[in-house]
Amino acid sequence: MKMGIFFALTLILTGAASASESGNSSGVSPALLFELNAWLDAETEYLERDRRPLIEFVGAERGEDLHGVADRSGGRTRGLYDAEIETIYLVEPWSPDNSRDISVLLHEMVHHRQSGQHWYCDQAQEWRAYQIQAQWLAEQKIADDFYWPAVLLQSSCTKRDIHPE
């Protein structure tokens, strides 16, 4: 049995937190998670992890306060992944009917799959996560609006504030 199927069945059988439980009306359905995991299995080198991430919805202010790697679309934080507690944070408003919002979830799911691997620095994971997100968007016939030079800088491991002494 492929891991994607296991993931979806686990969500269904364990009763993953629904939108109504979290007080959010725009939750992530097990069917959507299954679809995204199946796509990641087919299209990427990253294997699904044994444990599924928790998915939480947060307001914009809380999203800006959270520490971690952020997918910034339109100049604001849209999603984050905290590897220590295996939690994806989706910043509201988020809708399962919006392909760009789904792509943010996909981006953070990539980070969950990348977690546990060796990285020279945490931000090095960003380049591949954005490439995968852009590929998924292209398949949906949606142009990514990423500023690739900024993504490259964001994913580099160089110090950001270098001053000569």
N, C-alpha and C. Protein backbone atom coordinates (compact mmCIF):
# COMPACT_ATOMS: atom_id res chain seq x y z
N MET A 1 0.85 -1.17 0.00
CA MET A 1 0.00 0.00 0.00
C MET A 1 0.90 1.24 0.00
N LYS A 2 0.66 2.16 -0.94
CA LYS A 2 1.47 3.36 -1.01
C LYS A 2 1.23 4.22 0.23
N MET A 3 2.27 5.00 0.59
CA MET A 3 2.18 5.84 1.78
C MET A 3 1.05 6.87 1.66
N GLY A 4 0.78 7.41 0.47
CA GLY A 4 -0.28 8.38 0.30
C GLY A 4 -1.63 7.82 0.72
N ILE A 5 -1.89 6.59 0.33
CA ILE A 5 -3.14 5.94 0.71
C ILE A 5 -3.16 5.74 2.22
N PHE A 6 -2.04 5.31 2.80
CA PHE A 6 -1.96 5.14 4.25
C PHE A 6 -2.27 6.45 4.96
N PHE A 7 -1.70 7.55 4.45
CA PHE A 7 -1.90 8.87 5.05
C PHE A 7 -3.38 9.24 5.05
N ALA A 8 -4.04 9.07 3.91
CA ALA A 8 -5.46 9.43 3.81
C ALA A 8 -6.31 8.55 4.71
N LEU A 9 -6.02 7.25 4.73
CA LEU A 9 -6.80 6.36 5.58
C LEU A 9 -6.59 6.68 7.05
N THR A 10 -5.35 7.04 7.41
CA THR A 10 -5.08 7.41 8.78
C THR A 10 -5.91 8.63 9.17
N LEU A 11 -5.98 9.61 8.26
CA LEU A 11 -6.77 10.80 8.55
C LEU A 11 -8.24 10.45 8.77
N ILE A 12 -8.76 9.59 7.92
CA ILE A 12 -10.16 9.22 8.02
C ILE A 12 -10.42 8.40 9.29
N LEU A 13 -9.55 7.42 9.55
CA LEU A 13 -9.77 6.53 10.68
C LEU A 13 -9.52 7.18 12.03
N THR A 14 -8.58 8.12 12.08
CA THR A 14 -8.27 8.75 13.35
C THR A 14 -9.08 10.01 13.58
N GLY A 15 -9.85 10.42 12.59
CA GLY A 15 -10.67 11.61 12.77
C GLY A 15 -9.83 12.85 12.95
N ALA A 16 -9.04 13.17 11.94
CA ALA A 16 -8.19 14.37 12.00
C ALA A 16 -9.05 15.58 12.32
N ALA A 17 -8.46 16.54 13.00
CA ALA A 17 -9.19 17.74 13.40
C ALA A 17 -9.89 18.36 12.22
N SER A 18 -11.17 18.51 12.34
CA SER A 18 -11.94 19.10 11.25
C SER A 18 -12.01 20.60 11.42
N ALA A 19 -12.53 21.26 10.37
CA ALA A 19 -12.65 22.71 10.43
C ALA A 19 -13.57 23.12 11.56
N SER A 20 -14.62 22.36 11.80
CA SER A 20 -15.54 22.75 12.86
C SER A 20 -14.89 22.62 14.23
N GLU A 21 -13.99 21.66 14.41
CA GLU A 21 -13.32 21.49 15.70
C GLU A 21 -12.38 22.66 15.98
N SER A 22 -11.77 23.21 14.92
CA SER A 22 -10.82 24.29 15.12
C SER A 22 -11.49 25.65 15.05
N GLY A 23 -12.80 25.66 14.80
CA GLY A 23 -13.50 26.93 14.70
C GLY A 23 -13.29 27.60 13.36
N ASN A 24 -12.84 26.85 12.36
CA ASN A 24 -12.56 27.40 11.05
C ASN A 24 -13.45 26.71 10.04
N SER A 25 -14.08 27.50 9.18
CA SER A 25 -15.00 26.93 8.21
C SER A 25 -14.32 26.52 6.91
N SER A 26 -13.03 26.77 6.79
CA SER A 26 -12.35 26.45 5.53
C SER A 26 -11.25 25.43 5.77
N GLY A 27 -11.62 24.27 6.32
CA GLY A 27 -10.65 23.25 6.68
C GLY A 27 -10.07 22.52 5.49
N VAL A 28 -9.11 21.67 5.79
CA VAL A 28 -8.45 20.86 4.78
C VAL A 28 -9.04 19.46 4.85
N SER A 29 -9.64 19.02 3.78
CA SER A 29 -10.29 17.72 3.77
C SER A 29 -9.28 16.59 3.59
N PRO A 30 -9.59 15.42 4.13
CA PRO A 30 -8.73 14.25 3.89
C PRO A 30 -8.56 13.97 2.39
N ALA A 31 -9.60 14.22 1.61
CA ALA A 31 -9.51 13.97 0.16
C ALA A 31 -8.47 14.89 -0.49
N LEU A 32 -8.43 16.15 -0.07
CA LEU A 32 -7.44 17.08 -0.62
C LEU A 32 -6.04 16.65 -0.21
N LEU A 33 -5.86 16.28 1.05
CA LEU A 33 -4.56 15.82 1.51
C LEU A 33 -4.11 14.57 0.76
N PHE A 34 -5.03 13.66 0.53
CA PHE A 34 -4.72 12.46 -0.24
C PHE A 34 -4.26 12.83 -1.64
N GLU A 35 -4.99 13.73 -2.29
CA GLU A 35 -4.65 14.15 -3.65
C GLU A 35 -3.27 14.80 -3.70
N LEU A 36 -2.99 15.69 -2.76
CA LEU A 36 -1.68 16.36 -2.74
C LEU A 36 -0.55 15.39 -2.43
N ASN A 37 -0.79 14.48 -1.50
CA ASN A 37 0.24 13.47 -1.20
C ASN A 37 0.49 12.56 -2.39
N ALA A 38 -0.54 12.17 -3.09
CA ALA A 38 -0.36 11.33 -4.28
C ALA A 38 0.43 12.08 -5.34
N TRP A 39 0.14 13.37 -5.51
CA TRP A 39 0.88 14.18 -6.48
C TRP A 39 2.35 14.28 -6.06
N LEU A 40 2.60 14.55 -4.78
CA LEU A 40 3.99 14.64 -4.30
C LEU A 40 4.72 13.31 -4.47
N ASP A 41 4.03 12.19 -4.23
CA ASP A 41 4.63 10.88 -4.43
C ASP A 41 5.06 10.69 -5.89
N ALA A 42 4.22 11.12 -6.80
CA ALA A 42 4.48 10.90 -8.23
C ALA A 42 5.48 11.89 -8.81
N GLU A 43 5.51 13.11 -8.28
CA GLU A 43 6.26 14.18 -8.92
C GLU A 43 7.54 14.61 -8.22
N THR A 44 7.78 14.13 -7.02
CA THR A 44 8.95 14.61 -6.28
C THR A 44 9.77 13.45 -5.74
N GLU A 45 10.96 13.79 -5.30
CA GLU A 45 11.87 12.81 -4.71
C GLU A 45 11.64 12.62 -3.22
N TYR A 46 10.76 13.41 -2.62
CA TYR A 46 10.55 13.36 -1.18
C TYR A 46 9.49 12.35 -0.80
N LEU A 47 9.84 11.47 0.11
CA LEU A 47 8.91 10.43 0.55
C LEU A 47 8.02 10.95 1.67
N GLU A 48 6.82 10.39 1.70
CA GLU A 48 5.90 10.75 2.78
C GLU A 48 6.46 10.24 4.10
N ARG A 49 6.27 11.00 5.13
CA ARG A 49 6.76 10.64 6.46
C ARG A 49 5.76 9.72 7.15
N ASP A 50 6.23 9.02 8.17
CA ASP A 50 5.36 8.11 8.92
C ASP A 50 4.27 8.86 9.67
N ARG A 51 4.61 10.04 10.14
CA ARG A 51 3.62 10.82 10.90
C ARG A 51 3.13 11.98 10.05
N ARG A 52 1.84 12.19 10.11
CA ARG A 52 1.27 13.30 9.36
C ARG A 52 1.43 14.59 10.14
N PRO A 53 1.53 15.70 9.46
CA PRO A 53 1.64 16.97 10.18
C PRO A 53 0.27 17.41 10.70
N LEU A 54 0.31 18.13 11.77
CA LEU A 54 -0.90 18.80 12.25
C LEU A 54 -1.06 20.03 11.37
N ILE A 55 -2.29 20.38 11.04
CA ILE A 55 -2.54 21.58 10.23
C ILE A 55 -3.40 22.50 11.07
N GLU A 56 -2.90 23.71 11.27
CA GLU A 56 -3.62 24.71 12.05
C GLU A 56 -3.82 25.97 11.22
N PHE A 57 -4.94 26.62 11.44
CA PHE A 57 -5.22 27.89 10.80
C PHE A 57 -4.95 29.00 11.80
N VAL A 58 -4.28 30.03 11.34
CA VAL A 58 -3.96 31.17 12.20
C VAL A 58 -4.30 32.46 11.47
N GLY A 59 -4.55 33.50 12.25
CA GLY A 59 -4.79 34.81 11.68
C GLY A 59 -3.50 35.41 11.15
N ALA A 60 -3.64 36.47 10.37
CA ALA A 60 -2.48 37.10 9.74
C ALA A 60 -1.47 37.59 10.77
N GLU A 61 -1.95 38.18 11.84
CA GLU A 61 -1.02 38.70 12.87
C GLU A 61 -0.24 37.57 13.52
N ARG A 62 -0.90 36.48 13.84
CA ARG A 62 -0.23 35.32 14.44
C ARG A 62 0.75 34.72 13.44
N GLY A 63 0.38 34.68 12.17
CA GLY A 63 1.26 34.15 11.13
C GLY A 63 2.56 34.93 11.04
N GLU A 64 2.47 36.24 11.17
CA GLU A 64 3.68 37.07 11.14
C GLU A 64 4.53 36.85 12.38
N ASP A 65 3.90 36.51 13.51
CA ASP A 65 4.64 36.31 14.76
C ASP A 65 5.34 34.96 14.84
N LEU A 66 4.81 33.97 14.13
CA LEU A 66 5.39 32.62 14.21
C LEU A 66 6.78 32.60 13.60
N HIS A 67 7.63 31.79 14.21
CA HIS A 67 8.98 31.63 13.67
C HIS A 67 8.99 30.40 12.78
N GLY A 68 9.78 30.46 11.73
CA GLY A 68 9.90 29.32 10.83
C GLY A 68 10.04 29.80 9.41
N VAL A 69 9.98 28.89 8.50
CA VAL A 69 10.11 29.20 7.09
C VAL A 69 8.73 29.55 6.57
N ALA A 70 8.62 30.67 5.89
CA ALA A 70 7.32 31.14 5.45
C ALA A 70 7.24 31.19 3.94
N ASP A 71 6.08 30.82 3.39
CA ASP A 71 5.78 31.05 1.99
C ASP A 71 5.11 32.41 1.93
N ARG A 72 5.78 33.35 1.29
CA ARG A 72 5.25 34.70 1.21
C ARG A 72 4.68 34.92 -0.18
N SER A 73 3.38 35.09 -0.26
CA SER A 73 2.72 35.38 -1.52
C SER A 73 2.05 36.73 -1.37
N GLY A 74 2.25 37.56 -2.34
CA GLY A 74 1.65 38.89 -2.29
C GLY A 74 2.20 39.71 -1.14
N GLY A 75 3.43 39.43 -0.71
CA GLY A 75 4.06 40.24 0.32
C GLY A 75 3.64 39.92 1.74
N ARG A 76 2.86 38.87 1.94
CA ARG A 76 2.47 38.51 3.30
C ARG A 76 2.68 37.03 3.51
N THR A 77 2.89 36.66 4.76
CA THR A 77 3.10 35.26 5.09
C THR A 77 1.79 34.50 4.87
N ARG A 78 1.87 33.41 4.11
CA ARG A 78 0.67 32.61 3.81
C ARG A 78 0.71 31.24 4.47
N GLY A 79 1.92 30.74 4.77
CA GLY A 79 2.03 29.43 5.39
C GLY A 79 3.39 29.26 6.02
N LEU A 80 3.43 28.41 7.04
CA LEU A 80 4.68 28.12 7.73
C LEU A 80 4.68 26.66 8.13
N TYR A 81 5.89 26.13 8.30
CA TYR A 81 6.01 24.77 8.81
C TYR A 81 6.98 24.80 9.98
N ASP A 82 6.55 24.23 11.10
CA ASP A 82 7.39 24.11 12.28
C ASP A 82 7.80 22.64 12.39
N ALA A 83 9.06 22.35 12.04
CA ALA A 83 9.54 20.97 12.02
C ALA A 83 9.61 20.36 13.42
N GLU A 84 9.87 21.18 14.42
CA GLU A 84 9.99 20.65 15.78
C GLU A 84 8.70 20.02 16.28
N ILE A 85 7.58 20.62 15.93
CA ILE A 85 6.29 20.07 16.38
C ILE A 85 5.46 19.53 15.22
N GLU A 86 6.09 19.41 14.04
CA GLU A 86 5.45 18.86 12.85
C GLU A 86 4.08 19.47 12.60
N THR A 87 4.07 20.80 12.51
CA THR A 87 2.81 21.53 12.33
C THR A 87 2.91 22.48 11.15
N ILE A 88 1.90 22.41 10.30
CA ILE A 88 1.75 23.36 9.20
C ILE A 88 0.77 24.42 9.67
N TYR A 89 1.16 25.68 9.52
CA TYR A 89 0.28 26.79 9.83
C TYR A 89 -0.15 27.43 8.52
N LEU A 90 -1.46 27.50 8.30
CA LEU A 90 -2.01 28.18 7.13
C LEU A 90 -2.62 29.48 7.62
N VAL A 91 -2.22 30.57 6.99
CA VAL A 91 -2.67 31.89 7.42
C VAL A 91 -3.98 32.22 6.73
N GLU A 92 -4.96 32.59 7.52
CA GLU A 92 -6.28 32.95 7.00
C GLU A 92 -6.23 34.34 6.37
N PRO A 93 -7.02 34.60 5.37
CA PRO A 93 -8.02 33.69 4.82
C PRO A 93 -7.35 32.61 3.96
N TRP A 94 -7.86 31.42 4.06
CA TRP A 94 -7.40 30.27 3.27
C TRP A 94 -8.64 29.51 2.83
N SER A 95 -8.66 29.09 1.58
CA SER A 95 -9.82 28.38 1.07
C SER A 95 -9.40 27.16 0.27
N PRO A 96 -10.07 26.03 0.49
CA PRO A 96 -9.77 24.84 -0.31
C PRO A 96 -10.25 24.98 -1.76
N ASP A 97 -10.95 26.05 -2.06
CA ASP A 97 -11.42 26.31 -3.42
C ASP A 97 -10.48 27.22 -4.20
N ASN A 98 -9.41 27.69 -3.54
CA ASN A 98 -8.48 28.61 -4.16
C ASN A 98 -7.17 27.87 -4.46
N SER A 99 -6.82 27.75 -5.72
CA SER A 99 -5.63 26.98 -6.11
C SER A 99 -4.35 27.57 -5.55
N ARG A 100 -4.26 28.87 -5.44
CA ARG A 100 -3.06 29.48 -4.85
C ARG A 100 -2.95 29.11 -3.37
N ASP A 101 -4.08 29.09 -2.66
CA ASP A 101 -4.06 28.68 -1.26
C ASP A 101 -3.65 27.21 -1.14
N ILE A 102 -4.17 26.38 -2.03
CA ILE A 102 -3.79 24.96 -2.01
C ILE A 102 -2.30 24.82 -2.26
N SER A 103 -1.75 25.65 -3.15
CA SER A 103 -0.32 25.57 -3.44
C SER A 103 0.53 25.91 -2.23
N VAL A 104 0.02 26.79 -1.37
CA VAL A 104 0.74 27.12 -0.13
C VAL A 104 0.78 25.89 0.78
N LEU A 105 -0.36 25.21 0.90
CA LEU A 105 -0.40 23.97 1.67
C LEU A 105 0.58 22.95 1.09
N LEU A 106 0.59 22.80 -0.23
CA LEU A 106 1.51 21.87 -0.88
C LEU A 106 2.96 22.23 -0.55
N HIS A 107 3.30 23.51 -0.61
CA HIS A 107 4.64 23.99 -0.28
C HIS A 107 5.03 23.57 1.13
N GLU A 108 4.13 23.75 2.07
CA GLU A 108 4.43 23.39 3.46
C GLU A 108 4.48 21.87 3.65
N MET A 109 3.71 21.12 2.86
CA MET A 109 3.78 19.67 2.91
C MET A 109 5.15 19.19 2.41
N VAL A 110 5.71 19.90 1.44
CA VAL A 110 7.07 19.58 0.98
C VAL A 110 8.04 19.75 2.14
N HIS A 111 7.91 20.84 2.89
CA HIS A 111 8.80 21.04 4.04
C HIS A 111 8.66 19.91 5.06
N HIS A 112 7.45 19.42 5.25
CA HIS A 112 7.26 18.29 6.17
C HIS A 112 8.02 17.07 5.67
N ARG A 113 7.96 16.84 4.37
CA ARG A 113 8.67 15.70 3.79
C ARG A 113 10.19 15.92 3.83
N GLN A 114 10.63 17.15 3.71
CA GLN A 114 12.06 17.46 3.74
C GLN A 114 12.63 17.35 5.15
N SER A 115 11.79 17.48 6.15
CA SER A 115 12.23 17.49 7.53
C SER A 115 12.93 16.18 7.88
N GLY A 116 13.97 16.29 8.66
CA GLY A 116 14.72 15.11 9.06
C GLY A 116 15.90 14.81 8.15
N GLN A 117 15.94 15.45 6.98
CA GLN A 117 17.08 15.30 6.09
C GLN A 117 18.13 16.33 6.47
N HIS A 118 19.35 16.10 6.05
CA HIS A 118 20.42 17.05 6.36
C HIS A 118 20.36 18.23 5.39
N TRP A 119 20.41 19.43 5.97
CA TRP A 119 20.45 20.66 5.19
C TRP A 119 21.56 21.53 5.77
N TYR A 120 22.33 22.13 4.90
CA TYR A 120 23.40 23.01 5.36
C TYR A 120 22.83 24.12 6.24
N CYS A 121 21.66 24.61 5.85
CA CYS A 121 20.91 25.56 6.67
C CYS A 121 19.43 25.32 6.37
N ASP A 122 18.56 25.70 7.29
CA ASP A 122 17.13 25.44 7.12
C ASP A 122 16.56 26.08 5.86
N GLN A 123 17.01 27.31 5.55
CA GLN A 123 16.43 28.01 4.40
C GLN A 123 16.80 27.37 3.06
N ALA A 124 17.79 26.47 3.05
CA ALA A 124 18.16 25.79 1.81
C ALA A 124 17.00 24.95 1.25
N GLN A 125 16.06 24.59 2.08
CA GLN A 125 14.91 23.80 1.66
C GLN A 125 13.96 24.59 0.76
N GLU A 126 14.03 25.90 0.86
CA GLU A 126 13.06 26.75 0.16
C GLU A 126 13.12 26.63 -1.35
N TRP A 127 14.33 26.59 -1.94
CA TRP A 127 14.44 26.59 -3.39
C TRP A 127 13.62 25.45 -4.00
N ARG A 128 13.82 24.24 -3.50
CA ARG A 128 13.10 23.09 -4.06
C ARG A 128 11.61 23.16 -3.75
N ALA A 129 11.25 23.62 -2.57
CA ALA A 129 9.82 23.74 -2.23
C ALA A 129 9.11 24.70 -3.17
N TYR A 130 9.76 25.82 -3.49
CA TYR A 130 9.16 26.77 -4.44
C TYR A 130 9.10 26.19 -5.84
N GLN A 131 10.12 25.44 -6.25
CA GLN A 131 10.09 24.80 -7.57
C GLN A 131 8.91 23.84 -7.68
N ILE A 132 8.71 23.05 -6.64
CA ILE A 132 7.61 22.08 -6.63
C ILE A 132 6.27 22.82 -6.64
N GLN A 133 6.16 23.87 -5.86
CA GLN A 133 4.93 24.66 -5.83
C GLN A 133 4.66 25.26 -7.21
N ALA A 134 5.69 25.79 -7.87
CA ALA A 134 5.53 26.38 -9.20
C ALA A 134 5.11 25.32 -10.22
N GLN A 135 5.67 24.12 -10.11
CA GLN A 135 5.29 23.03 -11.01
C GLN A 135 3.81 22.69 -10.84
N TRP A 136 3.36 22.59 -9.59
CA TRP A 136 1.95 22.27 -9.34
C TRP A 136 1.05 23.38 -9.89
N LEU A 137 1.42 24.64 -9.65
CA LEU A 137 0.64 25.75 -10.18
C LEU A 137 0.58 25.70 -11.70
N ALA A 138 1.70 25.41 -12.35
CA ALA A 138 1.74 25.33 -13.82
C ALA A 138 0.79 24.25 -14.32
N GLU A 139 0.73 23.12 -13.61
CA GLU A 139 -0.20 22.06 -14.00
C GLU A 139 -1.65 22.50 -13.85
N GLN A 140 -1.90 23.47 -12.98
CA GLN A 140 -3.25 24.01 -12.80
C GLN A 140 -3.51 25.16 -13.77
N LYS A 141 -2.51 25.43 -14.64
CA LYS A 141 -2.56 26.53 -15.63
C LYS A 141 -2.59 27.89 -14.94
N ILE A 142 -1.83 27.99 -13.85
CA ILE A 142 -1.71 29.24 -13.09
C ILE A 142 -0.24 29.62 -13.07
N ALA A 143 0.05 30.84 -13.47
CA ALA A 143 1.43 31.30 -13.45
C ALA A 143 1.85 31.58 -12.01
N ASP A 144 3.05 31.10 -11.67
CA ASP A 144 3.54 31.46 -10.34
C ASP A 144 3.92 32.93 -10.39
N ASP A 145 3.77 33.58 -9.29
CA ASP A 145 4.14 35.00 -9.24
C ASP A 145 5.33 35.20 -8.32
N PHE A 146 6.20 34.19 -8.28
CA PHE A 146 7.37 34.26 -7.41
C PHE A 146 8.44 35.13 -8.06
N TYR A 147 9.12 35.87 -7.26
CA TYR A 147 10.26 36.65 -7.72
C TYR A 147 11.48 35.76 -7.46
N TRP A 148 11.89 35.03 -8.48
CA TRP A 148 12.89 33.99 -8.32
C TRP A 148 14.23 34.46 -7.76
N PRO A 149 14.71 35.67 -8.12
CA PRO A 149 15.95 36.12 -7.46
C PRO A 149 15.81 36.21 -5.94
N ALA A 150 14.64 36.64 -5.46
CA ALA A 150 14.42 36.71 -4.01
C ALA A 150 14.34 35.32 -3.41
N VAL A 151 13.73 34.38 -4.12
CA VAL A 151 13.66 33.00 -3.63
C VAL A 151 15.07 32.42 -3.53
N LEU A 152 15.90 32.71 -4.54
CA LEU A 152 17.28 32.23 -4.52
C LEU A 152 18.03 32.80 -3.31
N LEU A 153 17.87 34.09 -3.08
CA LEU A 153 18.52 34.70 -1.91
C LEU A 153 17.97 34.13 -0.61
N GLN A 154 16.65 33.94 -0.56
CA GLN A 154 16.01 33.40 0.64
C GLN A 154 16.53 32.00 0.94
N SER A 155 16.83 31.25 -0.11
CA SER A 155 17.24 29.85 0.10
C SER A 155 18.75 29.68 0.20
N SER A 156 19.48 30.77 0.13
CA SER A 156 20.93 30.65 0.28
C SER A 156 21.29 30.63 1.76
N CYS A 157 22.44 30.10 2.05
CA CYS A 157 22.88 29.96 3.44
C CYS A 157 23.87 31.04 3.83
N THR A 158 23.93 32.11 3.06
CA THR A 158 24.86 33.19 3.41
C THR A 158 24.22 34.10 4.44
N LYS A 159 25.08 34.77 5.19
CA LYS A 159 24.60 35.72 6.17
C LYS A 159 23.93 36.88 5.43
N ARG A 160 22.89 37.40 6.03
CA ARG A 160 22.12 38.46 5.38
C ARG A 160 22.66 39.86 5.67
N ASP A 161 23.22 40.06 6.80
CA ASP A 161 23.63 41.40 7.22
C ASP A 161 25.14 41.39 7.41
N ILE A 162 25.85 41.55 6.32
CA ILE A 162 27.31 41.48 6.36
C ILE A 162 27.87 42.90 6.30
N HIS A 163 28.64 43.23 7.31
CA HIS A 163 29.28 44.55 7.37
C HIS A 163 30.78 44.35 7.51
N PRO A 164 31.57 45.04 6.69
CA PRO A 164 33.02 44.93 6.86
C PRO A 164 33.43 45.60 8.16
N GLU A 165 34.47 45.06 8.76
CA GLU A 165 34.95 45.64 10.02
C GLU A 165 36.07 46.59 9.80
